[in-house]
Amino acid sequence: MSQPRTASIFSLSSSYLPYCASTAFVWLGDPVAARMWAGQSVEARNVPPQPTVGRAIARFDLAIALAQSGEPEEAAAVGVVAIEICANRLTVPARRRAEELLAALAAFTEPSVKELRERWQWTSR
């Protein structure tokens, strides 16, 4: 770049890269890359604490990637944790991500997936 970097509404800290990358790869349908980045988001240790919705969305991304990989029980377990994280402050982005997870698990009928659906119905009221 020929000009010095400046902060703007279009810039973000590098600590947000795993969060943005995991969402992007989920939306692109690349569960391998999404799991890698979502795992980094979930396990982030040396970054400032993320807001509740950020922690929940990282787990929703991981759950969706697991569902895309054909691992519905693992996806449901991570999804339940995400719902528990954001249950007291259910924002529009968290709702959208939960609905994306449920859509990714629509074809599955495992008991853990049914439990996730019930938990979401109860939480989203």
Protein backbone atom coordinates (compact mmCIF):
# COMPACT_ATOMS: atom_id res chain seq x y z
CA MET A 1 0.00 0.00 0.00
CA SER A 2 1.29 3.41 -0.88
CA GLN A 3 -0.68 5.21 1.82
CA PRO A 4 -0.46 4.73 5.58
CA ARG A 5 -3.10 2.56 7.20
CA THR A 6 -5.93 4.38 8.92
CA ALA A 7 -8.78 3.15 11.03
CA SER A 8 -12.23 3.41 9.51
CA ILE A 9 -15.60 1.75 9.68
CA PHE A 10 -14.28 -0.67 7.06
CA SER A 11 -11.31 -1.82 9.14
CA LEU A 12 -11.12 -4.25 12.00
CA SER A 13 -8.57 -5.66 14.37
CA SER A 14 -6.71 -8.76 13.26
CA SER A 15 -8.23 -10.52 16.28
CA TYR A 16 -11.53 -10.54 14.36
CA LEU A 17 -10.07 -12.42 11.39
CA PRO A 18 -11.00 -15.92 12.66
CA TYR A 19 -14.60 -14.79 13.30
CA CYS A 20 -15.01 -13.25 9.86
CA ALA A 21 -13.20 -16.08 8.07
CA SER A 22 -15.26 -18.81 9.73
CA THR A 23 -18.51 -17.12 8.74
CA ALA A 24 -17.27 -16.55 5.18
CA PHE A 25 -16.24 -20.18 4.75
CA VAL A 26 -19.54 -21.43 6.20
CA TRP A 27 -21.40 -19.30 3.67
CA LEU A 28 -19.10 -20.53 0.88
CA GLY A 29 -19.85 -24.13 1.84
CA ASP A 30 -16.25 -24.99 2.74
CA PRO A 31 -16.66 -26.82 6.07
CA VAL A 32 -12.98 -27.77 6.37
CA ALA A 33 -11.78 -24.15 6.28
CA ALA A 34 -14.78 -23.01 8.35
CA ARG A 35 -13.97 -25.53 11.08
CA MET A 36 -10.35 -24.44 11.17
CA TRP A 37 -11.21 -20.74 11.55
CA ALA A 38 -14.17 -21.34 13.88
CA GLY A 39 -11.95 -23.49 16.07
CA GLN A 40 -9.51 -20.60 16.34
CA SER A 41 -12.38 -18.28 17.27
CA VAL A 42 -13.67 -20.61 19.96
CA GLU A 43 -10.22 -21.27 21.40
CA ALA A 44 -8.93 -17.67 21.21
CA ARG A 45 -6.99 -17.01 24.39
CA ASN A 46 -4.82 -13.91 24.03
CA VAL A 47 -7.39 -11.51 22.64
CA PRO A 48 -9.74 -9.15 24.41
CA PRO A 49 -12.93 -10.90 25.56
CA GLN A 50 -15.48 -11.02 22.78
CA PRO A 51 -19.04 -9.86 23.33
CA THR A 52 -21.61 -12.54 24.06
CA VAL A 53 -22.94 -12.49 20.51
CA GLY A 54 -19.41 -12.93 19.10
CA ARG A 55 -18.76 -15.96 21.27
CA ALA A 56 -22.13 -17.43 20.27
CA ILE A 57 -21.66 -16.77 16.55
CA ALA A 58 -18.23 -18.45 16.61
CA ARG A 59 -19.91 -21.55 17.96
CA PHE A 60 -22.80 -21.32 15.50
CA ASP A 61 -20.21 -21.19 12.70
CA LEU A 62 -18.48 -24.26 14.10
CA ALA A 63 -21.81 -26.08 14.45
CA ILE A 64 -22.84 -25.24 10.88
CA ALA A 65 -19.48 -26.46 9.58
CA LEU A 66 -19.96 -29.71 11.51
CA ALA A 67 -23.45 -30.08 10.02
CA GLN A 68 -22.04 -29.44 6.54
CA SER A 69 -19.49 -32.20 7.24
CA GLY A 70 -22.25 -34.68 8.09
CA GLU A 71 -21.70 -34.63 11.85
CA PRO A 72 -25.16 -33.71 13.15
CA GLU A 73 -24.73 -34.85 16.75
CA GLU A 74 -21.56 -32.82 17.21
CA ALA A 75 -23.22 -29.87 15.46
CA ALA A 76 -26.21 -30.08 17.78
CA ALA A 77 -24.02 -30.21 20.88
CA VAL A 78 -22.07 -27.11 19.84
CA GLY A 79 -25.32 -25.42 18.81
CA VAL A 80 -26.82 -25.93 22.26
CA VAL A 81 -23.76 -24.26 23.80
CA ALA A 82 -24.14 -21.32 21.39
CA ILE A 83 -27.81 -20.93 22.31
CA GLU A 84 -26.97 -21.03 26.01
CA ILE A 85 -24.34 -18.32 25.55
CA CYS A 86 -26.72 -15.88 23.86
CA ALA A 87 -30.03 -16.90 25.50
CA ASN A 88 -30.16 -13.85 27.77
CA ARG A 89 -29.26 -11.43 24.97
CA LEU A 90 -30.66 -12.83 21.76
CA THR A 91 -29.67 -10.37 19.02
CA VAL A 92 -30.74 -10.37 15.39
CA PRO A 93 -27.35 -11.71 14.19
CA ALA A 94 -27.48 -14.54 16.74
CA ARG A 95 -31.04 -15.39 15.67
CA ARG A 96 -29.99 -15.53 12.02
CA ARG A 97 -27.05 -17.80 12.77
CA ALA A 98 -29.23 -20.12 14.87
CA GLU A 99 -31.72 -20.33 12.02
CA GLU A 100 -28.88 -21.07 9.57
CA LEU A 101 -27.77 -23.90 11.85
CA LEU A 102 -31.29 -25.32 12.03
CA ALA A 103 -31.55 -25.13 8.24
CA ALA A 104 -28.23 -26.99 7.91
CA LEU A 105 -29.60 -29.69 10.22
CA ALA A 106 -33.07 -29.87 8.61
CA ALA A 107 -32.50 -33.32 7.08
CA PHE A 108 -31.27 -34.90 10.32
CA THR A 109 -33.52 -36.63 12.86
CA GLU A 110 -31.06 -37.62 15.60
CA PRO A 111 -32.29 -37.10 19.18
CA SER A 112 -29.61 -34.45 19.80
CA VAL A 113 -30.83 -32.49 16.79
CA LYS A 114 -34.42 -32.72 18.03
CA GLU A 115 -33.24 -31.45 21.43
CA LEU A 116 -31.49 -28.53 19.74
CA ARG A 117 -34.69 -27.63 17.86
CA GLU A 118 -36.71 -27.75 21.08
CA ARG A 119 -34.13 -25.67 22.93
CA TRP A 120 -34.23 -23.09 20.16
CA GLN A 121 -38.05 -22.94 20.18
CA TRP A 122 -38.04 -22.38 23.92
CA THR A 123 -35.24 -19.77 23.81
CA SER A 124 -36.46 -17.81 20.79
CA ARG A 125 -39.90 -17.00 22.19
